Amino acid sequence: MNVDNLKQKLIAAARAAQPNDRVPYAFEKRVMARLAEARADLLGAWSHALWRAAISCVAIMLLVGAWSFLSDGSMDDVVGDNSSRDFAQEFEQTLLVSADSTADSSW
């Protein structure tokens, strides 16, 4: 089969067919119904996107949690003197420093 010959025949057939100016019956109603469906499904699209984001965030959380659980503590030498402190104590102190700084400011 000759592809160029087939292409020429298809182009000639398309040029021979005159376009029709007549609009199909109830075309406008069908278009407006499709637009209403798309507008109503906007909430579904948002919920789908948020669930996908939540799933990826949970996967990242599990990976980082497994990495921190399985790490052997080789970063203790890099940290220095603070390596003996507990993470919970450091976290609490960080939160209390920010709370104390806001309590000291007066109007």
PDB file of N, CA and C in Angstrom:
ATOM      1  N   MET A   1       0.849  -1.173   0.000  1.00  0.00           N
ATOM      2  CA  MET A   1       0.000   0.000   0.000  1.00  0.00           C
ATOM      3  C   MET A   1       0.896   1.237   0.000  1.00  0.00           C
ATOM      4  N   ASN A   2       0.601   2.147  -0.854  1.00  0.00           N
ATOM      5  CA  ASN A   2       1.356   3.385  -0.981  1.00  0.00           C
ATOM      6  C   ASN A   2       0.749   4.428  -0.038  1.00  0.00           C
ATOM      7  N   VAL A   3       1.540   4.853   0.921  1.00  0.00           N
ATOM      8  CA  VAL A   3       1.049   5.793   1.932  1.00  0.00           C
ATOM      9  C   VAL A   3       0.786   7.166   1.320  1.00  0.00           C
ATOM     10  N   ASP A   4       1.650   7.622   0.438  1.00  0.00           N
ATOM     11  CA  ASP A   4       1.450   8.939  -0.179  1.00  0.00           C
ATOM     12  C   ASP A   4       0.195   8.956  -1.035  1.00  0.00           C
ATOM     13  N   ASN A   5      -0.065   7.856  -1.768  1.00  0.00           N
ATOM     14  CA  ASN A   5      -1.267   7.777  -2.603  1.00  0.00           C
ATOM     15  C   ASN A   5      -2.514   7.798  -1.728  1.00  0.00           C
ATOM     16  N   LEU A   6      -2.493   7.052  -0.626  1.00  0.00           N
ATOM     17  CA  LEU A   6      -3.618   7.043   0.306  1.00  0.00           C
ATOM     18  C   LEU A   6      -3.844   8.424   0.913  1.00  0.00           C
ATOM     19  N   LYS A   7      -2.774   9.105   1.255  1.00  0.00           N
ATOM     20  CA  LYS A   7      -2.878  10.457   1.821  1.00  0.00           C
ATOM     21  C   LYS A   7      -3.525  11.404   0.824  1.00  0.00           C
ATOM     22  N   GLN A   8      -3.121  11.328  -0.429  1.00  0.00           N
ATOM     23  CA  GLN A   8      -3.688  12.202  -1.467  1.00  0.00           C
ATOM     24  C   GLN A   8      -5.177  11.916  -1.666  1.00  0.00           C
ATOM     25  N   LYS A   9      -5.567  10.640  -1.638  1.00  0.00           N
ATOM     26  CA  LYS A   9      -6.980  10.285  -1.801  1.00  0.00           C
ATOM     27  C   LYS A   9      -7.809  10.795  -0.634  1.00  0.00           C
ATOM     28  N   LEU A  10      -7.275  10.675   0.578  1.00  0.00           N
ATOM     29  CA  LEU A  10      -8.022  11.165   1.748  1.00  0.00           C
ATOM     30  C   LEU A  10      -8.172  12.683   1.727  1.00  0.00           C
ATOM     31  N   ILE A  11      -7.138  13.380   1.325  1.00  0.00           N
ATOM     32  CA  ILE A  11      -7.220  14.842   1.245  1.00  0.00           C
ATOM     33  C   ILE A  11      -8.211  15.255   0.168  1.00  0.00           C
ATOM     34  N   ALA A  12      -8.216  14.559  -0.972  1.00  0.00           N
ATOM     35  CA  ALA A  12      -9.165  14.872  -2.050  1.00  0.00           C
ATOM     36  C   ALA A  12     -10.593  14.604  -1.600  1.00  0.00           C
ATOM     37  N   ALA A  13     -10.837  13.528  -0.855  1.00  0.00           N
ATOM     38  CA  ALA A  13     -12.184  13.222  -0.366  1.00  0.00           C
ATOM     39  C   ALA A  13     -12.635  14.265   0.654  1.00  0.00           C
ATOM     40  N   ALA A  14     -11.726  14.729   1.490  1.00  0.00           N
ATOM     41  CA  ALA A  14     -12.086  15.751   2.483  1.00  0.00           C
ATOM     42  C   ALA A  14     -12.405  17.079   1.822  1.00  0.00           C
ATOM     43  N   ARG A  15     -11.683  17.404   0.768  1.00  0.00           N
ATOM     44  CA  ARG A  15     -11.945  18.667   0.069  1.00  0.00           C
ATOM     45  C   ARG A  15     -13.245  18.597  -0.731  1.00  0.00           C
ATOM     46  N   ALA A  16     -13.628  17.427  -1.189  1.00  0.00           N
ATOM     47  CA  ALA A  16     -14.849  17.281  -1.983  1.00  0.00           C
ATOM     48  C   ALA A  16     -16.095  17.401  -1.119  1.00  0.00           C
ATOM     49  N   ALA A  17     -16.022  16.999   0.133  1.00  0.00           N
ATOM     50  CA  ALA A  17     -17.176  17.080   1.031  1.00  0.00           C
ATOM     51  C   ALA A  17     -17.340  18.518   1.507  1.00  0.00           C
ATOM     52  N   GLN A  18     -18.490  19.089   1.235  1.00  0.00           N
ATOM     53  CA  GLN A  18     -18.766  20.466   1.644  1.00  0.00           C
ATOM     54  C   GLN A  18     -19.188  20.479   3.120  1.00  0.00           C
ATOM     55  N   PRO A  19     -18.675  21.428   3.893  1.00  0.00           N
ATOM     56  CA  PRO A  19     -19.088  21.506   5.303  1.00  0.00           C
ATOM     57  C   PRO A  19     -20.555  21.909   5.416  1.00  0.00           C
ATOM     58  N   ASN A  20     -21.207  21.380   6.420  1.00  0.00           N
ATOM     59  CA  ASN A  20     -22.616  21.643   6.639  1.00  0.00           C
ATOM     60  C   ASN A  20     -22.763  22.765   7.660  1.00  0.00           C
ATOM     61  N   ASP A  21     -23.575  23.744   7.350  1.00  0.00           N
ATOM     62  CA  ASP A  21     -23.791  24.877   8.255  1.00  0.00           C
ATOM     63  C   ASP A  21     -24.887  24.600   9.279  1.00  0.00           C
ATOM     64  N   ARG A  22     -25.556  23.501   9.177  1.00  0.00           N
ATOM     65  CA  ARG A  22     -26.656  23.169  10.068  1.00  0.00           C
ATOM     66  C   ARG A  22     -26.119  22.659  11.402  1.00  0.00           C
ATOM     67  N   VAL A  23     -26.678  23.145  12.496  1.00  0.00           N
ATOM     68  CA  VAL A  23     -26.288  22.726  13.846  1.00  0.00           C
ATOM     69  C   VAL A  23     -27.146  21.531  14.236  1.00  0.00           C
ATOM     70  N   PRO A  24     -26.556  20.494  14.832  1.00  0.00           N
ATOM     71  CA  PRO A  24     -27.360  19.336  15.255  1.00  0.00           C
ATOM     72  C   PRO A  24     -28.408  19.721  16.292  1.00  0.00           C
ATOM     73  N   TYR A  25     -29.484  18.915  16.350  1.00  0.00           N
ATOM     74  CA  TYR A  25     -30.596  19.164  17.257  1.00  0.00           C
ATOM     75  C   TYR A  25     -30.106  19.113  18.704  1.00  0.00           C
ATOM     76  N   ALA A  26     -30.477  20.087  19.513  1.00  0.00           N
ATOM     77  CA  ALA A  26     -30.196  20.182  20.950  1.00  0.00           C
ATOM     78  C   ALA A  26     -28.693  20.189  21.241  1.00  0.00           C
ATOM     79  N   PHE A  27     -27.921  20.729  20.335  1.00  0.00           N
ATOM     80  CA  PHE A  27     -26.476  20.780  20.530  1.00  0.00           C
ATOM     81  C   PHE A  27     -26.113  21.647  21.725  1.00  0.00           C
ATOM     82  N   GLU A  28     -26.761  22.787  21.839  1.00  0.00           N
ATOM     83  CA  GLU A  28     -26.472  23.714  22.933  1.00  0.00           C
ATOM     84  C   GLU A  28     -26.816  23.090  24.287  1.00  0.00           C
ATOM     85  N   LYS A  29     -27.922  22.374  24.370  1.00  0.00           N
ATOM     86  CA  LYS A  29     -28.306  21.736  25.626  1.00  0.00           C
ATOM     87  C   LYS A  29     -27.300  20.659  26.025  1.00  0.00           C
ATOM     88  N   ARG A  30     -26.793  19.907  25.050  1.00  0.00           N
ATOM     89  CA  ARG A  30     -25.810  18.876  25.360  1.00  0.00           C
ATOM     90  C   ARG A  30     -24.511  19.501  25.864  1.00  0.00           C
ATOM     91  N   VAL A  31     -24.099  20.598  25.243  1.00  0.00           N
ATOM     92  CA  VAL A  31     -22.869  21.266  25.674  1.00  0.00           C
ATOM     93  C   VAL A  31     -23.032  21.832  27.081  1.00  0.00           C
ATOM     94  N   MET A  32     -24.155  22.471  27.347  1.00  0.00           N
ATOM     95  CA  MET A  32     -24.377  23.046  28.676  1.00  0.00           C
ATOM     96  C   MET A  32     -24.479  21.957  29.751  1.00  0.00           C
ATOM     97  N   ALA A  33     -25.054  20.808  29.409  1.00  0.00           N
ATOM     98  CA  ALA A  33     -25.127  19.710  30.378  1.00  0.00           C
ATOM     99  C   ALA A  33     -23.730  19.187  30.702  1.00  0.00           C
ATOM    100  N   ARG A  34     -22.869  19.092  29.704  1.00  0.00           N
ATOM    101  CA  ARG A  34     -21.499  18.636  29.948  1.00  0.00           C
ATOM    102  C   ARG A  34     -20.737  19.636  30.814  1.00  0.00           C
ATOM    103  N   LEU A  35     -20.968  20.936  30.592  1.00  0.00           N
ATOM    104  CA  LEU A  35     -20.318  21.956  31.418  1.00  0.00           C
ATOM    105  C   LEU A  35     -20.804  21.875  32.866  1.00  0.00           C
ATOM    106  N   ALA A  36     -22.077  21.618  33.064  1.00  0.00           N
ATOM    107  CA  ALA A  36     -22.607  21.491  34.428  1.00  0.00           C
ATOM    108  C   ALA A  36     -22.004  20.276  35.117  1.00  0.00           C
ATOM    109  N   GLU A  37     -21.819  19.179  34.382  1.00  0.00           N
ATOM    110  CA  GLU A  37     -21.178  17.994  34.960  1.00  0.00           C
ATOM    111  C   GLU A  37     -19.751  18.306  35.374  1.00  0.00           C
ATOM    112  N   ALA A  38     -19.030  19.015  34.541  1.00  0.00           N
ATOM    113  CA  ALA A  38     -17.637  19.342  34.837  1.00  0.00           C
ATOM    114  C   ALA A  38     -17.543  20.250  36.055  1.00  0.00           C
ATOM    115  N   ARG A  39     -18.470  21.179  36.188  1.00  0.00           N
ATOM    116  CA  ARG A  39     -18.465  22.088  37.325  1.00  0.00           C
ATOM    117  C   ARG A  39     -18.804  21.340  38.616  1.00  0.00           C
ATOM    118  N   ALA A  40     -19.714  20.397  38.556  1.00  0.00           N
ATOM    119  CA  ALA A  40     -20.107  19.649  39.735  1.00  0.00           C
ATOM    120  C   ALA A  40     -18.999  18.685  40.160  1.00  0.00           C
ATOM    121  N   ASP A  41     -18.178  18.258  39.236  1.00  0.00           N
ATOM    122  CA  ASP A  41     -17.128  17.295  39.545  1.00  0.00           C
ATOM    123  C   ASP A  41     -15.849  17.977  40.034  1.00  0.00           C
ATOM    124  N   LEU A  42     -15.861  19.286  40.193  1.00  0.00           N
ATOM    125  CA  LEU A  42     -14.694  20.007  40.678  1.00  0.00           C
ATOM    126  C   LEU A  42     -14.332  19.567  42.096  1.00  0.00           C
ATOM    127  N   LEU A  43     -15.324  19.329  42.922  1.00  0.00           N
ATOM    128  CA  LEU A  43     -15.077  18.863  44.281  1.00  0.00           C
ATOM    129  C   LEU A  43     -14.443  17.463  44.265  1.00  0.00           C
ATOM    130  N   GLY A  44     -14.893  16.639  43.357  1.00  0.00           N
ATOM    131  CA  GLY A  44     -14.304  15.311  43.227  1.00  0.00           C
ATOM    132  C   GLY A  44     -12.853  15.368  42.803  1.00  0.00           C
ATOM    133  N   ALA A  45     -12.531  16.298  41.917  1.00  0.00           N
ATOM    134  CA  ALA A  45     -11.145  16.448  41.472  1.00  0.00           C
ATOM    135  C   ALA A  45     -10.251  16.913  42.627  1.00  0.00           C
ATOM    136  N   TRP A  46     -10.769  17.847  43.428  1.00  0.00           N
ATOM    137  CA  TRP A  46      -9.988  18.316  44.576  1.00  0.00           C
ATOM    138  C   TRP A  46      -9.767  17.196  45.581  1.00  0.00           C
ATOM    139  N   SER A  47     -10.816  16.423  45.860  1.00  0.00           N
ATOM    140  CA  SER A  47     -10.660  15.350  46.844  1.00  0.00           C
ATOM    141  C   SER A  47      -9.705  14.277  46.332  1.00  0.00           C
ATOM    142  N   HIS A  48      -9.747  13.996  45.042  1.00  0.00           N
ATOM    143  CA  HIS A  48      -8.816  13.025  44.466  1.00  0.00           C
ATOM    144  C   HIS A  48      -7.370  13.520  44.602  1.00  0.00           C
ATOM    145  N   ALA A  49      -7.146  14.783  44.309  1.00  0.00           N
ATOM    146  CA  ALA A  49      -5.794  15.343  44.407  1.00  0.00           C
ATOM    147  C   ALA A  49      -5.301  15.350  45.855  1.00  0.00           C
ATOM    148  N   LEU A  50      -6.171  15.692  46.796  1.00  0.00           N
ATOM    149  CA  LEU A  50      -5.767  15.722  48.205  1.00  0.00           C
ATOM    150  C   LEU A  50      -5.474  14.330  48.740  1.00  0.00           C
ATOM    151  N   TRP A  51      -6.238  13.325  48.305  1.00  0.00           N
ATOM    152  CA  TRP A  51      -5.950  11.959  48.743  1.00  0.00           C
ATOM    153  C   TRP A  51      -4.620  11.484  48.191  1.00  0.00           C
ATOM    154  N   ARG A  52      -4.318  11.839  46.949  1.00  0.00           N
ATOM    155  CA  ARG A  52      -3.029  11.450  46.376  1.00  0.00           C
ATOM    156  C   ARG A  52      -1.891  12.116  47.145  1.00  0.00           C
ATOM    157  N   ALA A  53      -2.083  13.375  47.534  1.00  0.00           N
ATOM    158  CA  ALA A  53      -1.052  14.070  48.306  1.00  0.00           C
ATOM    159  C   ALA A  53      -0.901  13.446  49.690  1.00  0.00           C
ATOM    160  N   ALA A  54      -2.005  13.062  50.302  1.00  0.00           N
ATOM    161  CA  ALA A  54      -1.934  12.447  51.630  1.00  0.00           C
ATOM    162  C   ALA A  54      -1.217  11.104  51.559  1.00  0.00           C
ATOM    163  N   ILE A  55      -1.488  10.346  50.528  1.00  0.00           N
ATOM    164  CA  ILE A  55      -0.833   9.042  50.394  1.00  0.00           C
ATOM    165  C   ILE A  55       0.670   9.217  50.211  1.00  0.00           C
ATOM    166  N   SER A  56       1.069  10.175  49.396  1.00  0.00           N
ATOM    167  CA  SER A  56       2.507  10.391  49.200  1.00  0.00           C
ATOM    168  C   SER A  56       3.159  10.912  50.487  1.00  0.00           C
ATOM    169  N   CYS A  57       2.465  11.746  51.244  1.00  0.00           N
ATOM    170  CA  CYS A  57       3.028  12.240  52.512  1.00  0.00           C
ATOM    171  C   CYS A  57       3.188  11.108  53.523  1.00  0.00           C
ATOM    172  N   VAL A  58       2.237  10.198  53.577  1.00  0.00           N
ATOM    173  CA  VAL A  58       2.360   9.049  54.485  1.00  0.00           C
ATOM    174  C   VAL A  58       3.530   8.172  54.065  1.00  0.00           C
ATOM    175  N   ALA A  59       3.705   7.979  52.756  1.00  0.00           N
ATOM    176  CA  ALA A  59       4.828   7.165  52.280  1.00  0.00           C
ATOM    177  C   ALA A  59       6.161   7.807  52.648  1.00  0.00           C
ATOM    178  N   ILE A  60       6.270   9.117  52.489  1.00  0.00           N
ATOM    179  CA  ILE A  60       7.499   9.823  52.858  1.00  0.00           C
ATOM    180  C   ILE A  60       7.732   9.726  54.366  1.00  0.00           C
ATOM    181  N   MET A  61       6.670   9.871  55.152  1.00  0.00           N
ATOM    182  CA  MET A  61       6.797   9.767  56.603  1.00  0.00           C
ATOM    183  C   MET A  61       7.300   8.383  57.012  1.00  0.00           C
ATOM    184  N   LEU A  62       6.769   7.341  56.390  1.00  0.00           N
ATOM    185  CA  LEU A  62       7.210   5.989  56.725  1.00  0.00           C
ATOM    186  C   LEU A  62       8.664   5.763  56.344  1.00  0.00           C
ATOM    187  N   LEU A  63       9.073   6.279  55.186  1.00  0.00           N
ATOM    188  CA  LEU A  63      10.463   6.129  54.770  1.00  0.00           C
ATOM    189  C   LEU A  63      11.426   6.848  55.715  1.00  0.00           C
ATOM    190  N   VAL A  64      11.096   8.068  56.089  1.00  0.00           N
ATOM    191  CA  VAL A  64      11.964   8.831  56.984  1.00  0.00           C
ATOM    192  C   VAL A  64      11.962   8.204  58.380  1.00  0.00           C
ATOM    193  N   GLY A  65      10.815   7.705  58.828  1.00  0.00           N
ATOM    194  CA  GLY A  65      10.758   7.042  60.121  1.00  0.00           C
ATOM    195  C   GLY A  65      11.596   5.772  60.148  1.00  0.00           C
ATOM    196  N   ALA A  66      11.512   5.001  59.077  1.00  0.00           N
ATOM    197  CA  ALA A  66      12.329   3.781  59.012  1.00  0.00           C
ATOM    198  C   ALA A  66      13.809   4.119  58.944  1.00  0.00           C
ATOM    199  N   TRP A  67      14.138   5.173  58.208  1.00  0.00           N
ATOM    200  CA  TRP A  67      15.537   5.587  58.097  1.00  0.00           C
ATOM    201  C   TRP A  67      16.084   6.031  59.458  1.00  0.00           C
ATOM    202  N   SER A  68      15.290   6.820  60.197  1.00  0.00           N
ATOM    203  CA  SER A  68      15.766   7.286  61.504  1.00  0.00           C
ATOM    204  C   SER A  68      15.805   6.140  62.517  1.00  0.00           C
ATOM    205  N   PHE A  69      14.895   5.188  62.411  1.00  0.00           N
ATOM    206  CA  PHE A  69      14.889   4.052  63.323  1.00  0.00           C
ATOM    207  C   PHE A  69      16.062   3.116  63.061  1.00  0.00           C
ATOM    208  N   LEU A  70      16.386   2.934  61.792  1.00  0.00           N
ATOM    209  CA  LEU A  70      17.441   2.000  61.429  1.00  0.00           C
ATOM    210  C   LEU A  70      18.835   2.623  61.403  1.00  0.00           C
ATOM    211  N   SER A  71      18.919   3.931  61.577  1.00  0.00           N
ATOM    212  CA  SER A  71      20.246   4.551  61.579  1.00  0.00           C
ATOM    213  C   SER A  71      21.005   4.113  62.825  1.00  0.00           C
ATOM    214  N   ASP A  72      22.330   3.956  62.693  1.00  0.00           N
ATOM    215  CA  ASP A  72      23.131   3.418  63.794  1.00  0.00           C
ATOM    216  C   ASP A  72      23.705   4.493  64.696  1.00  0.00           C
ATOM    217  N   GLY A  73      23.375   5.738  64.496  1.00  0.00           N
ATOM    218  CA  GLY A  73      23.871   6.810  65.347  1.00  0.00           C
ATOM    219  C   GLY A  73      25.253   7.263  64.973  1.00  0.00           C
ATOM    220  N   SER A  74      25.629   7.128  63.735  1.00  0.00           N
ATOM    221  CA  SER A  74      26.966   7.532  63.308  1.00  0.00           C
ATOM    222  C   SER A  74      27.110   9.046  63.228  1.00  0.00           C
ATOM    223  N   MET A  75      26.030   9.771  63.353  1.00  0.00           N
ATOM    224  CA  MET A  75      26.095  11.232  63.301  1.00  0.00           C
ATOM    225  C   MET A  75      26.407  11.829  64.664  1.00  0.00           C
ATOM    226  N   ASP A  76      26.593  11.019  65.701  1.00  0.00           N
ATOM    227  CA  ASP A  76      26.884  11.553  67.038  1.00  0.00           C
ATOM    228  C   ASP A  76      28.206  12.301  67.075  1.00  0.00           C
ATOM    229  N   ASP A  77      29.174  11.870  66.288  1.00  0.00           N
ATOM    230  CA  ASP A  77      30.467  12.542  66.258  1.00  0.00           C
ATOM    231  C   ASP A  77      30.363  13.921  65.626  1.00  0.00           C
ATOM    232  N   VAL A  78      29.479  14.080  64.682  1.00  0.00           N
ATOM    233  CA  VAL A  78      29.329  15.360  63.987  1.00  0.00           C
ATOM    234  C   VAL A  78      28.639  16.372  64.886  1.00  0.00           C
ATOM    235  N   VAL A  79      27.670  15.917  65.675  1.00  0.00           N
ATOM    236  CA  VAL A  79      26.889  16.823  66.507  1.00  0.00           C
ATOM    237  C   VAL A  79      27.735  17.400  67.628  1.00  0.00           C
ATOM    238  N   GLY A  80      28.542  16.609  68.270  1.00  0.00           N
ATOM    239  CA  GLY A  80      29.428  17.102  69.319  1.00  0.00           C
ATOM    240  C   GLY A  80      28.868  16.871  70.703  1.00  0.00           C
ATOM    241  N   ASP A  81      28.921  17.914  71.566  1.00  0.00           N
ATOM    242  CA  ASP A  81      28.539  17.779  72.969  1.00  0.00           C
ATOM    243  C   ASP A  81      27.037  17.568  73.150  1.00  0.00           C
ATOM    244  N   ASN A  82      26.226  18.001  72.229  1.00  0.00           N
ATOM    245  CA  ASN A  82      24.779  17.886  72.367  1.00  0.00           C
ATOM    246  C   ASN A  82      24.270  16.488  72.056  1.00  0.00           C
ATOM    247  N   SER A  83      25.153  15.561  71.725  1.00  0.00           N
ATOM    248  CA  SER A  83      24.699  14.223  71.342  1.00  0.00           C
ATOM    249  C   SER A  83      24.119  13.455  72.520  1.00  0.00           C
ATOM    250  N   SER A  84      24.477  13.810  73.743  1.00  0.00           N
ATOM    251  CA  SER A  84      23.973  13.090  74.905  1.00  0.00           C
ATOM    252  C   SER A  84      22.574  13.545  75.303  1.00  0.00           C
ATOM    253  N   ARG A  85      22.104  14.659  74.781  1.00  0.00           N
ATOM    254  CA  ARG A  85      20.789  15.172  75.135  1.00  0.00           C
ATOM    255  C   ARG A  85      19.705  14.386  74.433  1.00  0.00           C
ATOM    256  N   ASP A  86      18.595  14.294  75.061  1.00  0.00           N
ATOM    257  CA  ASP A  86      17.456  13.571  74.505  1.00  0.00           C
ATOM    258  C   ASP A  86      16.704  14.482  73.535  1.00  0.00           C
ATOM    259  N   PHE A  87      16.182  13.891  72.480  1.00  0.00           N
ATOM    260  CA  PHE A  87      15.439  14.670  71.484  1.00  0.00           C
ATOM    261  C   PHE A  87      14.208  15.320  72.097  1.00  0.00           C
ATOM    262  N   ALA A  88      13.532  14.613  72.984  1.00  0.00           N
ATOM    263  CA  ALA A  88      12.329  15.164  73.605  1.00  0.00           C
ATOM    264  C   ALA A  88      12.654  16.415  74.415  1.00  0.00           C
ATOM    265  N   GLN A  89      13.775  16.413  75.110  1.00  0.00           N
ATOM    266  CA  GLN A  89      14.167  17.581  75.885  1.00  0.00           C
ATOM    267  C   GLN A  89      14.502  18.752  74.972  1.00  0.00           C
ATOM    268  N   GLU A  90      15.212  18.477  73.890  1.00  0.00           N
ATOM    269  CA  GLU A  90      15.542  19.560  72.954  1.00  0.00           C
ATOM    270  C   GLU A  90      14.288  20.141  72.323  1.00  0.00           C
ATOM    271  N   PHE A  91      13.355  19.282  71.980  1.00  0.00           N
ATOM    272  CA  PHE A  91      12.112  19.746  71.373  1.00  0.00           C
ATOM    273  C   PHE A  91      11.315  20.602  72.343  1.00  0.00           C
ATOM    274  N   GLU A  92      11.218  20.154  73.601  1.00  0.00           N
ATOM    275  CA  GLU A  92      10.480  20.913  74.603  1.00  0.00           C
ATOM    276  C   GLU A  92      11.139  22.261  74.864  1.00  0.00           C
ATOM    277  N   GLN A  93      12.454  22.278  74.914  1.00  0.00           N
ATOM    278  CA  GLN A  93      13.159  23.535  75.157  1.00  0.00           C
ATOM    279  C   GLN A  93      12.950  24.504  73.996  1.00  0.00           C
ATOM    280  N   THR A  94      12.949  23.997  72.794  1.00  0.00           N
ATOM    281  CA  THR A  94      12.716  24.854  71.623  1.00  0.00           C
ATOM    282  C   THR A  94      11.331  25.461  71.672  1.00  0.00           C
ATOM    283  N   LEU A  95      10.329  24.670  72.032  1.00  0.00           N
ATOM    284  CA  LEU A  95       8.971  25.197  72.127  1.00  0.00           C
ATOM    285  C   LEU A  95       8.839  26.211  73.253  1.00  0.00           C
ATOM    286  N   LEU A  96       9.483  25.949  74.371  1.00  0.00           N
ATOM    287  CA  LEU A  96       9.387  26.870  75.504  1.00  0.00           C
ATOM    288  C   LEU A  96      10.104  28.186  75.217  1.00  0.00           C
ATOM    289  N   VAL A  97      11.202  28.159  74.477  1.00  0.00           N
ATOM    290  CA  VAL A  97      11.898  29.398  74.129  1.00  0.00           C
ATOM    291  C   VAL A  97      10.995  30.281  73.282  1.00  0.00           C
ATOM    292  N   SER A  98      10.300  29.686  72.336  1.00  0.00           N
ATOM    293  CA  SER A  98       9.409  30.500  71.506  1.00  0.00           C
ATOM    294  C   SER A  98       8.227  31.016  72.312  1.00  0.00           C
ATOM    295  N   ALA A  99       7.739  30.245  73.269  1.00  0.00           N
ATOM    296  CA  ALA A  99       6.630  30.702  74.109  1.00  0.00           C
ATOM    297  C   ALA A  99       7.084  31.808  75.052  1.00  0.00           C
ATOM    298  N   ASP A 100       8.300  31.691  75.595  1.00  0.00           N
ATOM    299  CA  ASP A 100       8.807  32.715  76.503  1.00  0.00           C
ATOM    300  C   ASP A 100       9.059  34.033  75.778  1.00  0.00           C
ATOM    301  N   SER A 101       9.505  33.961  74.552  1.00  0.00           N
ATOM    302  CA  SER A 101       9.793  35.196  73.818  1.00  0.00           C
ATOM    303  C   SER A 101       8.524  35.964  73.509  1.00  0.00           C
ATOM    304  N   THR A 102       7.405  35.275  73.272  1.00  0.00           N
ATOM    305  CA  THR A 102       6.147  35.958  73.016  1.00  0.00           C
ATOM    306  C   THR A 102       5.524  36.476  74.302  1.00  0.00           C
ATOM    307  N   ALA A 103       5.782  35.803  75.439  1.00  0.00           N
ATOM    308  CA  ALA A 103       5.207  36.249  76.710  1.00  0.00           C
ATOM    309  C   ALA A 103       5.920  37.492  77.238  1.00  0.00           C
ATOM    310  N   ASP A 104       7.202  37.649  76.925  1.00  0.00           N
ATOM    311  CA  ASP A 104       7.955  38.791  77.435  1.00  0.00           C
ATOM    312  C   ASP A 104       7.606  40.091  76.715  1.00  0.00           C
ATOM    313  N   SER A 105       7.171  39.991  75.487  1.00  0.00           N
ATOM    314  CA  SER A 105       6.872  41.227  74.750  1.00  0.00           C
ATOM    315  C   SER A 105       5.590  41.852  75.327  1.00  0.00           C
ATOM    316  N   SER A 106       5.672  43.153  75.591  1.00  0.00           N
ATOM    317  CA  SER A 106       4.512  43.843  76.150  1.00  0.00           C
ATOM    318  C   SER A 106       4.048  44.909  75.165  1.00  0.00           C
ATOM    319  N   TRP A 107       2.812  45.268  75.302  1.00  0.00           N
ATOM    320  CA  TRP A 107       2.247  46.249  74.390  1.00  0.00           C
ATOM    321  C   TRP A 107       2.535  47.583  74.940  1.00  0.00           C
TER     322      TRP A 107
END
